[in-house]
Amino acid sequence: MNEFPRAYARRTLLFSLVSVGMGFTVLFPVLAPLGREIGLSELQITFIIAASSLTVFLSTPIWGRISDQWGRKRVMLIGLFGFTGGTVLFNSILYAGLSGTLLGWALFAALVTARMMHAGVMSATMPAANAYMADITDSSNRIKGMGAAGAATNVGSILGPAVSGLAVISLLTPLWAIAAIALLNGLFVLRFLPELPRQHSVTRPRRMKYTDPRILPFVVVGVLMFTGFALVQQTMGFRFQDVLGLTAGETARTFGIAMMLSAVCSLIAQGVIVQRLSLPPFSLLRWALPLLIVAFTILAFAETREALTGAMMILGFGMGMAGPGFMAGASLSVSPEEQGSVAGVAGSCGPLGFTIGPLIGGALYQIDPAFPYAFAAVVYLLLFASMHWIGRRVAVHKSDS
């Protein structure tokens, strides 16, 4: 184990996570205007995201446990190559919708089915990657390791919306480009990511429950946090288009720039706050939540491009602190042999939030465009008010361990 090239493995993993981050964010600036172009309602568009997120939520813990048996690298490769194939299928159906070959409910059903199939396989990547990072870090630098992984993903999140700028060619061009990038990333991991020692794959890991008292506080925080974040992120494309009076292509570019700036702020938070200050996980969360409440409040009332973009930047900075605090806290609460399982459970909190959030956001947006952001602000206020109680549960459990 001492001979394992930790530094080389860390750099290779982080480089790979850049393109993973690109894959996760390139769709968001494009899907809202693209969905409207093919005749889908706001609720139908957000339902596609919710259905795929539900699939990721159900699949992620399974892939996390499988990575304990099969190995982290093998499961990452399944996710990356599955992402490529799923994107090709999804794009092909979108093309059929744009060309008029497939319309109405048949188009909607085909998109939901394809996205769920896509999500079921691509969900293998992140729990395996997070467990890999946990395997090559110890408890003294786990938060920094998770922060570095989050920072790498956020670099990709900066580049992903930049790729959406290819919508000037066609609305589908960014999605074809990301399919090619995912394929190249899979080949990169296959060639350069070192295999971990096999000790984590010898025995069948036990299934970790969401109600496990060691991680339950983090599950509560994670699901609520990502529900509010997803509710906002999945309706912001509509918000930019409607408030600013933009065309579909202009919406993809303008919202893409705002997402880039949001990801830059998230990267700054992870590079400065997380990496340089040795703060406990719950301290990071306590700092982040007020910023996120401010961002949601601005989004509820913003009427200009500058205000919308500024709120997105605050949102990015807050999530840049909250994400590593959540993941590291969950990782540190269990044993080294359970890192795959906890990565799966913690990693599924985001998809569960992205299942609930878009449905609420899409429904509220159709009632009043300000409602999703006001609702998110209330959710985060309740979460912030509960942080002391949740933190005490963690402290009590650690004292008993």
Protein backbone atom coordinates (compact mmCIF):
# COMPACT_ATOMS: atom_id res chain seq x y z
CA MET A 1 0.00 0.00 0.00
CA ASN A 2 2.88 2.35 0.71
CA GLU A 3 4.05 1.90 -2.87
CA PHE A 4 0.73 2.95 -4.32
CA PRO A 5 1.25 6.20 -6.34
CA ARG A 6 -1.16 8.37 -4.37
CA ALA A 7 -0.08 11.72 -5.81
CA TYR A 8 -0.23 10.44 -9.40
CA ALA A 9 -3.61 8.79 -8.78
CA ARG A 10 -4.99 11.99 -7.23
CA ARG A 11 -3.92 14.15 -10.18
CA THR A 12 -5.30 11.67 -12.70
CA LEU A 13 -8.61 11.38 -10.86
CA LEU A 14 -8.98 15.15 -10.57
CA PHE A 15 -8.23 15.64 -14.26
CA SER A 16 -10.89 13.07 -15.12
CA LEU A 17 -13.45 14.77 -12.86
CA VAL A 18 -13.11 17.95 -14.92
CA SER A 19 -14.80 16.30 -17.88
CA VAL A 20 -17.34 14.63 -15.58
CA GLY A 21 -18.32 18.10 -14.38
CA MET A 22 -18.68 19.23 -17.98
CA GLY A 23 -21.07 16.38 -18.67
CA PHE A 24 -23.27 17.23 -15.69
CA THR A 25 -23.72 20.92 -16.55
CA VAL A 26 -23.76 21.23 -20.33
CA LEU A 27 -27.42 20.16 -20.54
CA PHE A 28 -28.85 22.76 -18.14
CA PRO A 29 -28.45 25.91 -20.29
CA VAL A 30 -29.72 24.04 -23.36
CA LEU A 31 -32.63 21.90 -22.18
CA ALA A 32 -35.07 24.66 -21.23
CA PRO A 33 -35.04 26.48 -24.60
CA LEU A 34 -34.63 23.19 -26.48
CA GLY A 35 -37.64 21.68 -24.72
CA ARG A 36 -39.77 24.67 -25.65
CA GLU A 37 -38.59 24.40 -29.27
CA ILE A 38 -39.96 20.83 -29.49
CA GLY A 39 -43.26 21.78 -27.85
CA LEU A 40 -42.79 20.61 -24.25
CA SER A 41 -44.19 22.51 -21.27
CA GLU A 42 -42.07 23.71 -18.35
CA LEU A 43 -43.41 20.88 -16.19
CA GLN A 44 -42.62 18.26 -18.86
CA ILE A 45 -39.07 19.60 -19.25
CA THR A 46 -38.42 19.53 -15.51
CA PHE A 47 -40.06 16.09 -15.29
CA ILE A 48 -37.39 14.70 -17.65
CA ILE A 49 -34.69 15.90 -15.24
CA ALA A 50 -36.66 14.63 -12.24
CA ALA A 51 -37.14 11.17 -13.75
CA SER A 52 -33.46 10.82 -14.58
CA SER A 53 -32.49 12.11 -11.14
CA LEU A 54 -34.77 9.55 -9.49
CA THR A 55 -32.97 6.86 -11.48
CA VAL A 56 -29.60 8.19 -10.32
CA PHE A 57 -30.90 8.26 -6.73
CA LEU A 58 -31.90 4.60 -6.91
CA SER A 59 -28.76 3.51 -8.79
CA THR A 60 -26.00 5.43 -7.00
CA PRO A 61 -25.96 3.43 -3.71
CA ILE A 62 -25.93 0.21 -5.73
CA TRP A 63 -22.95 1.37 -7.79
CA GLY A 64 -21.20 2.51 -4.62
CA ARG A 65 -21.46 -0.99 -3.13
CA ILE A 66 -20.50 -2.58 -6.44
CA SER A 67 -17.34 -0.45 -6.48
CA ASP A 68 -16.37 -2.06 -3.15
CA GLN A 69 -16.51 -5.44 -4.90
CA TRP A 70 -15.44 -4.79 -8.50
CA GLY A 71 -13.01 -1.94 -7.87
CA ARG A 72 -13.35 1.82 -8.28
CA LYS A 73 -11.77 2.09 -11.72
CA ARG A 74 -13.93 -0.56 -13.36
CA VAL A 75 -17.14 1.06 -12.10
CA MET A 76 -15.95 4.52 -13.20
CA LEU A 77 -15.40 3.15 -16.69
CA ILE A 78 -18.91 1.70 -16.79
CA GLY A 79 -20.28 5.12 -15.91
CA LEU A 80 -18.18 7.04 -18.42
CA PHE A 81 -18.78 4.79 -21.41
CA GLY A 82 -22.44 4.49 -20.40
CA PHE A 83 -22.66 8.28 -20.37
CA THR A 84 -21.40 8.35 -23.95
CA GLY A 85 -23.90 5.79 -25.22
CA GLY A 86 -26.80 7.32 -23.29
CA THR A 87 -26.06 10.80 -24.61
CA VAL A 88 -26.05 9.54 -28.19
CA LEU A 89 -29.46 7.91 -27.64
CA PHE A 90 -30.96 11.00 -25.95
CA ASN A 91 -29.61 13.34 -28.64
CA SER A 92 -31.01 11.16 -31.40
CA ILE A 93 -34.51 11.40 -29.90
CA LEU A 94 -34.16 15.18 -29.50
CA TYR A 95 -33.18 15.38 -33.17
CA ALA A 96 -36.30 13.40 -34.09
CA GLY A 97 -38.34 15.94 -32.13
CA LEU A 98 -36.72 18.94 -33.81
CA SER A 99 -37.20 17.41 -37.27
CA GLY A 100 -40.86 16.61 -36.61
CA THR A 101 -40.39 12.85 -36.91
CA LEU A 102 -41.51 12.31 -33.30
CA LEU A 103 -44.03 14.61 -31.64
CA GLY A 104 -46.28 15.05 -28.63
CA TRP A 105 -46.58 12.47 -25.90
CA ALA A 106 -44.64 9.88 -27.89
CA LEU A 107 -41.66 12.25 -27.98
CA PHE A 108 -42.00 13.04 -24.28
CA ALA A 109 -42.20 9.35 -23.32
CA ALA A 110 -39.19 8.50 -25.49
CA LEU A 111 -37.12 11.31 -23.92
CA VAL A 112 -38.02 10.23 -20.38
CA THR A 113 -37.20 6.59 -21.11
CA ALA A 114 -33.89 7.39 -22.82
CA ARG A 115 -32.83 9.77 -20.06
CA MET A 116 -33.63 7.21 -17.35
CA MET A 117 -31.61 4.52 -19.17
CA HIS A 118 -28.79 7.03 -19.55
CA ALA A 119 -28.93 7.97 -15.87
CA GLY A 120 -28.94 4.39 -14.63
CA VAL A 121 -25.53 3.71 -16.13
CA MET A 122 -23.82 7.11 -15.85
CA SER A 123 -24.61 7.16 -12.11
CA ALA A 124 -21.76 4.69 -11.61
CA THR A 125 -19.10 7.37 -12.06
CA MET A 126 -19.43 9.71 -9.08
CA PRO A 127 -19.75 7.24 -6.15
CA ALA A 128 -16.78 5.29 -7.51
CA ALA A 129 -14.76 8.50 -7.96
CA ASN A 130 -15.63 9.80 -4.47
CA ALA A 131 -14.81 6.43 -2.91
CA TYR A 132 -11.51 6.40 -4.84
CA MET A 133 -10.65 9.82 -3.36
CA ALA A 134 -11.58 8.56 0.12
CA ASP A 135 -9.33 5.53 -0.40
CA ILE A 136 -6.28 7.66 -1.19
CA THR A 137 -6.78 10.20 1.63
CA ASP A 138 -6.72 9.81 5.41
CA SER A 139 -8.97 11.44 8.01
CA SER A 140 -6.64 14.43 8.42
CA ASN A 141 -6.97 15.52 4.79
CA ARG A 142 -10.34 14.01 3.80
CA ILE A 143 -12.11 17.38 3.63
CA LYS A 144 -9.35 18.79 1.43
CA GLY A 145 -9.47 15.72 -0.77
CA MET A 146 -13.22 15.98 -1.22
CA GLY A 147 -12.85 19.72 -1.75
CA ALA A 148 -10.28 19.09 -4.47
CA ALA A 149 -12.64 16.61 -6.13
CA GLY A 150 -15.42 19.17 -5.93
CA ALA A 151 -13.12 21.86 -7.31
CA ALA A 152 -12.19 19.65 -10.26
CA THR A 153 -15.86 18.98 -10.95
CA ASN A 154 -16.48 22.72 -10.78
CA VAL A 155 -13.73 23.42 -13.29
CA GLY A 156 -15.73 21.13 -15.54
CA SER A 157 -18.87 23.00 -14.53
CA ILE A 158 -17.22 26.16 -15.84
CA LEU A 159 -16.30 24.52 -19.12
CA GLY A 160 -19.64 22.72 -19.56
CA PRO A 161 -21.73 25.87 -20.01
CA ALA A 162 -18.95 27.19 -22.25
CA VAL A 163 -19.55 24.19 -24.49
CA SER A 164 -23.21 25.19 -24.54
CA GLY A 165 -22.04 28.22 -26.51
CA LEU A 166 -21.88 25.83 -29.47
CA ALA A 167 -25.65 26.26 -29.58
CA VAL A 168 -24.91 29.02 -32.10
CA ILE A 169 -24.35 26.15 -34.57
CA SER A 170 -27.42 24.20 -33.42
CA LEU A 171 -29.08 23.49 -30.09
CA LEU A 172 -27.88 19.87 -30.23
CA THR A 173 -24.22 20.61 -31.02
CA PRO A 174 -23.19 21.03 -27.33
CA LEU A 175 -24.71 17.65 -26.49
CA TRP A 176 -22.93 15.85 -29.34
CA ALA A 177 -19.67 17.48 -28.23
CA ILE A 178 -20.08 16.28 -24.64
CA ALA A 179 -20.70 12.72 -25.83
CA ALA A 180 -17.31 12.80 -27.57
CA ILE A 181 -15.65 14.30 -24.47
CA ALA A 182 -17.12 11.55 -22.24
CA LEU A 183 -15.76 8.90 -24.59
CA LEU A 184 -12.28 10.46 -24.49
CA ASN A 185 -12.49 10.69 -20.70
CA GLY A 186 -13.30 6.99 -20.47
CA LEU A 187 -10.27 6.16 -22.61
CA PHE A 188 -8.13 8.47 -20.44
CA VAL A 189 -9.23 6.72 -17.21
CA LEU A 190 -8.72 3.31 -18.81
CA ARG A 191 -5.14 4.18 -19.74
CA PHE A 192 -3.88 6.37 -16.90
CA LEU A 193 -5.84 5.92 -13.63
CA PRO A 194 -3.96 3.44 -11.40
CA GLU A 195 -5.80 0.41 -10.08
CA LEU A 196 -6.32 0.56 -6.31
CA PRO A 197 -5.14 -2.33 -4.12
CA ARG A 198 -7.85 -4.99 -4.06
CA GLN A 199 -8.48 -5.09 -0.31
CA HIS A 200 -11.79 -3.23 -0.64
CA SER A 201 -13.14 -5.82 -3.07
CA VAL A 202 -12.54 -9.01 -1.13
CA THR A 203 -15.73 -9.19 0.92
CA ARG A 204 -19.28 -8.29 0.06
CA PRO A 205 -20.06 -4.94 1.72
CA ARG A 206 -23.14 -4.64 3.87
CA ARG A 207 -25.89 -2.37 2.66
CA MET A 208 -25.78 1.02 4.35
CA LYS A 209 -29.20 2.43 5.25
CA TYR A 210 -30.16 6.07 4.95
CA THR A 211 -31.35 5.85 8.55
CA ASP A 212 -27.93 4.73 9.82
CA PRO A 213 -27.45 7.09 12.81
CA ARG A 214 -23.89 7.87 11.74
CA ILE A 215 -24.95 9.45 8.45
CA LEU A 216 -28.64 10.35 8.98
CA PRO A 217 -27.89 14.02 9.84
CA PHE A 218 -25.91 14.38 6.62
CA VAL A 219 -28.67 12.69 4.62
CA VAL A 220 -31.21 15.20 5.97
CA VAL A 221 -28.94 18.12 5.13
CA GLY A 222 -28.03 16.77 1.72
CA VAL A 223 -31.55 16.03 0.50
CA LEU A 224 -32.93 19.41 1.60
CA MET A 225 -29.89 21.28 0.32
CA PHE A 226 -29.98 19.70 -3.13
CA THR A 227 -33.78 19.96 -3.39
CA GLY A 228 -33.54 23.73 -3.02
CA PHE A 229 -30.58 23.98 -5.36
CA ALA A 230 -32.20 21.79 -8.04
CA LEU A 231 -35.49 23.65 -7.79
CA VAL A 232 -33.65 26.85 -8.71
CA GLN A 233 -31.18 25.49 -11.26
CA GLN A 234 -33.82 23.65 -13.31
CA THR A 235 -36.05 26.73 -13.69
CA MET A 236 -33.38 29.39 -14.25
CA GLY A 237 -33.34 28.77 -18.01
CA PHE A 238 -37.02 29.73 -18.14
CA ARG A 239 -36.35 32.70 -15.86
CA PHE A 240 -33.58 34.10 -18.06
CA GLN A 241 -35.62 33.61 -21.24
CA ASP A 242 -38.83 35.16 -19.87
CA VAL A 243 -37.39 38.08 -17.87
CA LEU A 244 -34.90 39.12 -20.55
CA GLY A 245 -37.06 38.27 -23.58
CA LEU A 246 -34.45 36.02 -25.21
CA THR A 247 -34.65 33.55 -28.07
CA ALA A 248 -33.78 29.87 -27.51
CA GLY A 249 -30.19 30.28 -28.72
CA GLU A 250 -29.71 33.51 -26.76
CA THR A 251 -31.03 31.83 -23.62
CA ALA A 252 -28.55 28.97 -23.93
CA ARG A 253 -25.64 31.39 -24.31
CA THR A 254 -26.71 33.91 -21.63
CA PHE A 255 -27.64 31.31 -19.03
CA GLY A 256 -24.49 29.39 -19.94
CA ILE A 257 -22.36 32.43 -19.10
CA ALA A 258 -24.18 32.83 -15.77
CA MET A 259 -23.55 29.17 -14.95
CA MET A 260 -19.87 29.59 -15.85
CA LEU A 261 -19.55 32.52 -13.45
CA SER A 262 -21.43 30.56 -10.78
CA ALA A 263 -18.99 27.67 -11.19
CA VAL A 264 -16.02 30.07 -11.01
CA CYS A 265 -17.30 31.34 -7.65
CA SER A 266 -17.79 27.77 -6.48
CA LEU A 267 -14.22 27.00 -7.49
CA ILE A 268 -12.95 30.04 -5.55
CA ALA A 269 -14.87 28.90 -2.47
CA GLN A 270 -13.35 25.44 -2.66
CA GLY A 271 -9.87 26.70 -3.46
CA VAL A 272 -9.74 29.37 -0.74
CA ILE A 273 -12.23 28.48 2.01
CA VAL A 274 -12.12 24.68 1.86
CA GLN A 275 -8.48 24.10 0.95
CA ARG A 276 -6.83 26.80 3.09
CA LEU A 277 -9.03 26.84 6.17
CA SER A 278 -9.33 23.64 8.20
CA LEU A 279 -13.01 24.00 9.02
CA PRO A 280 -15.19 21.10 10.25
CA PRO A 281 -17.91 19.96 7.82
CA PHE A 282 -20.79 21.55 9.73
CA SER A 283 -18.95 24.87 9.98
CA LEU A 284 -18.74 24.96 6.20
CA LEU A 285 -22.47 24.31 6.01
CA ARG A 286 -23.29 27.03 8.58
CA TRP A 287 -21.30 29.55 6.56
CA ALA A 288 -22.85 28.53 3.27
CA LEU A 289 -26.56 28.48 4.09
CA PRO A 290 -27.02 32.25 4.71
CA LEU A 291 -25.33 32.99 1.37
CA LEU A 292 -27.68 30.61 -0.39
CA ILE A 293 -30.72 32.20 1.27
CA VAL A 294 -29.58 35.61 0.00
CA ALA A 295 -29.11 34.21 -3.53
CA PHE A 296 -32.61 32.71 -3.62
CA THR A 297 -34.16 35.93 -2.35
CA ILE A 298 -32.48 37.95 -5.10
CA LEU A 299 -33.59 35.46 -7.75
CA ALA A 300 -37.20 35.84 -6.62
CA PHE A 301 -37.20 39.56 -7.38
CA ALA A 302 -34.49 40.02 -10.04
CA GLU A 303 -35.54 41.69 -13.29
CA THR A 304 -32.17 42.38 -14.95
CA ARG A 305 -29.37 40.26 -16.38
CA GLU A 306 -26.92 41.69 -13.84
CA ALA A 307 -29.10 40.80 -10.86
CA LEU A 308 -29.81 37.29 -12.14
CA THR A 309 -26.14 36.65 -12.87
CA GLY A 310 -25.02 38.11 -9.53
CA ALA A 311 -27.42 35.84 -7.66
CA MET A 312 -26.10 32.84 -9.58
CA MET A 313 -22.56 33.79 -8.53
CA ILE A 314 -23.56 33.95 -4.85
CA LEU A 315 -25.33 30.62 -5.28
CA GLY A 316 -22.16 29.08 -6.73
CA PHE A 317 -19.98 30.38 -3.90
CA GLY A 318 -22.35 29.01 -1.26
CA MET A 319 -22.62 25.57 -2.88
CA GLY A 320 -18.83 25.51 -3.26
CA MET A 321 -18.56 25.48 0.54
CA ALA A 322 -21.59 23.33 1.28
CA GLY A 323 -20.84 20.44 -1.10
CA PRO A 324 -17.40 19.40 0.28
CA GLY A 325 -18.63 19.85 3.86
CA PHE A 326 -21.52 17.50 3.22
CA MET A 327 -19.48 14.80 1.41
CA ALA A 328 -16.50 14.90 3.79
CA GLY A 329 -18.71 14.82 6.87
CA ALA A 330 -20.49 11.69 5.64
CA SER A 331 -17.19 10.04 4.67
CA LEU A 332 -15.55 10.73 8.02
CA SER A 333 -18.50 9.26 9.93
CA VAL A 334 -17.89 5.65 8.79
CA SER A 335 -15.03 3.16 8.61
CA PRO A 336 -12.54 2.84 5.70
CA GLU A 337 -14.20 -0.43 4.62
CA GLU A 338 -17.52 1.38 4.12
CA GLN A 339 -16.32 4.20 1.88
CA GLY A 340 -17.96 2.79 -1.25
CA SER A 341 -21.27 2.35 0.54
CA VAL A 342 -21.27 5.80 2.14
CA ALA A 343 -20.20 7.41 -1.14
CA GLY A 344 -23.20 5.75 -2.76
CA VAL A 345 -25.64 6.88 -0.09
CA ALA A 346 -24.27 10.42 0.18
CA GLY A 347 -23.97 10.68 -3.59
CA SER A 348 -27.63 9.73 -3.99
CA CYS A 349 -28.82 12.66 -1.86
CA GLY A 350 -28.14 15.03 -4.74
CA PRO A 351 -30.14 12.98 -7.26
CA LEU A 352 -33.02 12.68 -4.77
CA GLY A 353 -32.98 16.46 -4.43
CA PHE A 354 -32.87 16.75 -8.22
CA THR A 355 -35.90 14.43 -8.37
CA ILE A 356 -38.02 16.47 -5.97
CA GLY A 357 -36.75 19.95 -6.80
CA PRO A 358 -37.50 20.15 -10.54
CA LEU A 359 -41.06 18.87 -10.07
CA ILE A 360 -41.76 21.47 -7.40
CA GLY A 361 -39.95 24.16 -9.36
CA GLY A 362 -41.71 23.42 -12.66
CA ALA A 363 -45.15 23.41 -11.02
CA LEU A 364 -44.49 26.60 -9.02
CA TYR A 365 -43.01 28.39 -12.04
CA GLN A 366 -46.21 27.82 -14.01
CA ILE A 367 -48.14 29.50 -11.18
CA ASP A 368 -45.75 32.42 -10.68
CA PRO A 369 -42.11 32.75 -11.85
CA ALA A 370 -41.02 34.08 -8.41
CA PHE A 371 -42.49 31.19 -6.41
CA PRO A 372 -39.71 28.59 -6.92
CA TYR A 373 -37.05 30.91 -5.49
CA ALA A 374 -39.16 32.07 -2.57
CA PHE A 375 -39.90 28.42 -1.76
CA ALA A 376 -36.18 27.55 -1.89
CA ALA A 377 -35.36 30.44 0.44
CA VAL A 378 -37.91 29.14 2.98
CA VAL A 379 -36.50 25.57 2.76
CA TYR A 380 -32.98 26.85 3.45
CA LEU A 381 -34.17 29.04 6.32
CA LEU A 382 -35.67 25.95 7.96
CA LEU A 383 -32.49 24.01 7.27
CA PHE A 384 -30.33 26.75 8.79
CA ALA A 385 -32.58 26.87 11.86
CA SER A 386 -32.11 23.10 12.28
CA MET A 387 -28.33 23.06 11.97
CA HIS A 388 -27.71 23.23 15.73
CA TRP A 389 -29.93 20.18 16.35
CA ILE A 390 -28.41 18.24 13.46
CA GLY A 391 -24.88 19.12 14.59
CA ARG A 392 -25.65 17.87 18.10
CA ARG A 393 -26.74 14.50 16.71
CA VAL A 394 -23.38 14.18 14.96
CA ALA A 395 -21.50 15.17 18.14
CA VAL A 396 -23.46 12.70 20.26
CA HIS A 397 -22.80 9.85 17.84
CA LYS A 398 -19.07 10.62 17.69
CA SER A 399 -18.81 10.68 21.47
CA ASP A 400 -20.45 7.24 21.60
CA SER A 401 -18.14 5.75 18.94
